[in-house]
Protein backbone atom coordinates (compact mmCIF):
# COMPACT_ATOMS: atom_id res chain seq x y z
CA MET A 1 -17.41 -5.57 -14.70
CA THR A 2 -17.71 -8.41 -12.21
CA GLU A 3 -16.30 -8.64 -8.78
CA ALA A 4 -13.71 -11.22 -9.92
CA GLU A 5 -12.66 -8.91 -12.84
CA TRP A 6 -12.29 -6.02 -10.45
CA LEU A 7 -10.12 -7.93 -8.04
CA ALA A 8 -7.90 -9.48 -10.75
CA CYS A 9 -7.70 -6.51 -13.11
CA GLU A 10 -4.09 -5.70 -13.78
CA GLY A 11 -4.59 -2.28 -15.47
CA PRO A 12 -6.40 0.72 -14.23
CA GLU A 13 -8.01 1.91 -17.48
CA ALA A 14 -11.01 -0.61 -17.39
CA MET A 15 -11.40 -0.05 -13.73
CA LEU A 16 -11.57 3.74 -14.12
CA GLU A 17 -14.14 3.40 -16.88
CA PHE A 18 -16.26 1.17 -14.57
CA LEU A 19 -16.04 3.90 -11.98
CA ARG A 20 -17.22 6.64 -14.35
CA GLY A 21 -20.30 8.28 -12.87
CA ARG A 22 -19.96 6.11 -9.71
CA ALA A 23 -16.93 7.59 -7.98
CA SER A 24 -16.81 10.75 -5.89
CA ASP A 25 -14.74 13.72 -7.05
CA ARG A 26 -12.73 13.29 -3.78
CA LYS A 27 -11.90 9.70 -4.44
CA LEU A 28 -10.84 10.36 -8.02
CA ARG A 29 -8.66 13.27 -7.14
CA LEU A 30 -7.01 11.17 -4.28
CA PHE A 31 -6.40 8.40 -6.71
CA ALA A 32 -4.75 10.71 -9.16
CA VAL A 33 -2.56 12.15 -6.45
CA GLY A 34 -1.66 8.57 -5.23
CA CYS A 35 -0.61 7.74 -8.75
CA VAL A 36 1.70 10.71 -9.27
CA ARG A 37 3.12 10.54 -5.74
CA ARG A 38 4.63 7.09 -6.88
CA LEU A 39 6.86 9.19 -9.16
CA TRP A 40 7.43 11.97 -6.60
CA ARG A 41 11.20 11.82 -6.78
CA TYR A 42 11.03 12.80 -10.49
CA PHE A 43 9.12 16.05 -10.00
CA PRO A 44 10.53 19.46 -9.56
CA GLU A 45 9.36 21.42 -6.46
CA ASP A 46 6.82 23.45 -8.34
CA THR A 47 5.20 20.34 -9.62
CA ARG A 48 5.16 18.84 -6.03
CA ARG A 49 3.44 21.94 -4.84
CA GLN A 50 0.62 21.51 -7.46
CA ILE A 51 0.27 17.82 -6.30
CA GLU A 52 -0.06 18.85 -2.71
CA GLN A 53 -2.59 21.50 -3.76
CA ALA A 54 -4.66 18.89 -5.52
CA GLU A 55 -4.63 16.88 -2.33
CA ARG A 56 -5.88 19.84 -0.27
CA ILE A 57 -8.59 20.55 -2.98
CA ALA A 58 -9.76 16.92 -2.49
CA ASP A 59 -10.09 17.58 1.16
CA GLY A 60 -11.96 20.84 0.58
CA LEU A 61 -8.99 22.78 1.85
CA GLY A 62 -7.88 24.52 -1.29
CA SER A 63 -9.06 25.96 -4.59
CA MET A 64 -8.15 25.42 -8.16
CA GLY A 65 -5.72 27.66 -9.86
CA PRO A 66 -5.80 28.59 -13.56
CA ALA A 67 -6.81 25.96 -15.90
CA MET A 68 -3.85 24.54 -17.75
CA GLY A 69 -3.18 21.69 -20.22
CA ARG A 70 -2.34 18.10 -19.71
CA ASP A 71 1.38 18.72 -20.06
CA ASP A 72 1.42 21.33 -17.32
CA PRO A 73 1.63 20.37 -13.67
CA HIS A 74 -1.83 22.16 -13.15
CA TRP A 75 -3.64 19.24 -14.89
CA ILE A 76 -3.97 17.55 -11.51
CA THR A 77 -6.19 20.42 -10.15
CA LYS A 78 -8.60 20.14 -12.99
CA SER A 79 -11.75 17.97 -13.04
CA PRO A 80 -11.32 14.74 -10.89
CA MET A 81 -12.03 12.44 -13.82
CA PHE A 82 -9.51 14.26 -16.03
CA ALA A 83 -6.95 14.14 -13.18
CA ALA A 84 -7.56 10.38 -12.77
CA GLU A 85 -7.34 9.69 -16.50
CA SER A 86 -4.18 11.97 -16.70
CA ALA A 87 -2.52 10.17 -13.80
CA ILE A 88 -2.94 6.99 -15.71
CA TRP A 89 -1.73 8.58 -18.99
CA THR A 90 1.37 10.03 -17.24
CA SER A 91 2.53 6.71 -15.72
CA ALA A 92 4.72 4.17 -17.43
CA ARG A 93 3.09 1.01 -18.73
CA SER A 94 5.12 -1.02 -16.26
CA GLU A 95 3.25 0.77 -13.57
CA ALA A 96 -0.05 -0.61 -14.64
CA ASN A 97 -0.34 -3.21 -11.96
CA ALA A 98 0.55 -0.73 -9.21
CA ARG A 99 -2.23 1.71 -10.45
CA ALA A 100 -4.79 -1.05 -10.40
CA ALA A 101 -3.71 -1.85 -6.74
CA LEU A 102 -4.05 1.85 -5.88
CA MET A 103 -7.58 1.81 -7.33
CA ARG A 104 -8.42 -1.14 -5.01
CA ASP A 105 -6.76 0.74 -2.11
CA VAL A 106 -8.97 3.71 -2.74
CA TRP A 107 -12.21 1.99 -3.61
CA GLY A 108 -11.88 -1.38 -2.06
CA ASP A 109 -14.12 -4.23 -3.38
CA LEU A 110 -16.95 -2.26 -5.05
CA PHE A 111 -19.10 -5.30 -4.96
CA ARG A 112 -19.12 -5.65 -1.18
CA ARG A 113 -20.35 -2.74 0.78
CA LEU A 114 -18.43 -2.84 4.06
CA ALA A 115 -19.09 -0.57 7.06
CA ILE A 116 -17.26 0.29 10.31
CA LYS A 117 -19.52 -0.25 13.29
CA SER A 118 -19.75 2.67 15.60
CA ALA A 119 -18.45 0.41 18.48
CA TRP A 120 -15.18 0.13 16.44
CA ARG A 121 -14.58 3.80 16.28
CA THR A 122 -12.92 4.08 19.59
CA ALA A 123 -10.86 7.12 20.43
CA THR A 124 -7.70 5.04 19.75
CA VAL A 125 -8.89 3.82 16.48
CA THR A 126 -10.09 7.21 15.21
CA SER A 127 -7.00 9.13 16.35
CA LEU A 128 -4.79 6.45 14.77
CA ALA A 129 -6.63 6.69 11.55
CA GLN A 130 -6.57 10.49 11.47
CA ALA A 131 -2.82 10.46 12.15
CA ILE A 132 -2.25 7.96 9.33
CA TYR A 133 -4.29 10.29 7.02
CA ASP A 134 -2.74 13.52 8.10
CA GLU A 135 0.82 12.22 8.19
CA ARG A 136 0.54 9.83 5.26
CA ALA A 137 1.89 7.28 7.82
CA PHE A 138 0.52 4.22 6.00
CA ASP A 139 3.11 2.01 7.65
CA ARG A 140 0.79 2.16 10.69
CA MET A 141 -2.02 0.31 8.85
CA PRO A 142 -1.26 -2.95 10.66
CA ILE A 143 -1.55 -1.11 13.99
CA LEU A 144 -4.84 0.29 12.90
CA GLY A 145 -5.86 -3.33 12.17
CA ASP A 146 -4.87 -4.27 15.66
CA GLY A 147 -6.92 -1.40 17.13
CA LEU A 148 -10.00 -2.39 15.03
CA GLU A 149 -9.74 -6.01 16.17
CA ASP A 150 -9.32 -4.89 19.80
CA ALA A 151 -12.45 -2.85 19.36
CA GLY A 152 -14.42 -5.86 18.17
CA CYS A 153 -13.91 -5.92 14.33
CA ALA A 154 -13.62 -9.50 13.13
CA ASP A 155 -14.29 -8.58 9.37
CA ALA A 156 -11.67 -10.37 7.35
CA ASP A 157 -11.68 -7.83 4.44
CA ILE A 158 -11.07 -4.85 6.74
CA LEU A 159 -8.38 -6.53 8.80
CA GLY A 160 -6.79 -8.10 5.74
CA HIS A 161 -6.56 -4.76 4.03
CA CYS A 162 -4.91 -3.15 7.02
CA ARG A 163 -2.43 -6.02 7.55
CA GLY A 164 -1.94 -7.18 3.97
CA GLY A 165 0.90 -4.89 2.97
CA GLY A 166 0.77 -3.16 -0.37
CA GLU A 167 0.72 0.54 -1.00
CA HIS A 168 -1.80 2.85 0.65
CA VAL A 169 -2.65 6.41 -0.11
CA ARG A 170 -4.92 9.10 1.15
CA GLY A 171 -8.46 7.96 0.30
CA CYS A 172 -7.67 4.51 1.45
CA TRP A 173 -11.10 2.84 1.85
CA VAL A 174 -10.55 1.52 5.37
CA VAL A 175 -9.15 4.76 6.74
CA ASP A 176 -11.96 6.73 5.10
CA LEU A 177 -14.63 4.35 6.66
CA VAL A 178 -13.10 4.89 10.08
CA LEU A 179 -12.96 8.63 9.62
CA GLY A 180 -16.52 8.85 8.03
CA LYS A 181 -15.18 10.22 4.74
CA GLU A 182 -16.72 9.49 1.48
């Protein structure tokens, strides 16, 4: 897959296949959680608890329960690649573009390795990024962009991602860079 194909891809299947063997378990699991959170209102409470457990597992704060099948809500706590594939399988085809956008939110542009300079990790920037992550307060991403710019960041990709709108989820590549997460 080329950079242009990654950035223009409208369906997540090819993107996920490209990531096979390259993506961390954490990123795969958080992508899966981000996908199913788009359908949150349709899930009963017990399924929501499983989704939240999968998120805790991604952050090393929980453990897997008993292994279940794809049709059971426990599928999201299984292997990260299985969870990511299942999240795509579970979603409606009309959601394909949204899933592809979520993949770009989690992994960014895989063909450009961006970094956050230590000078940009001010107390304000890191505390804001941590609050965004902890509270799922992604509406604050433009404020994070402002904080990064105030700290000296002029990187158009980083600032554009913060200010560009679109859906963000835990595992967002900019928030992860600021927090030093993989």
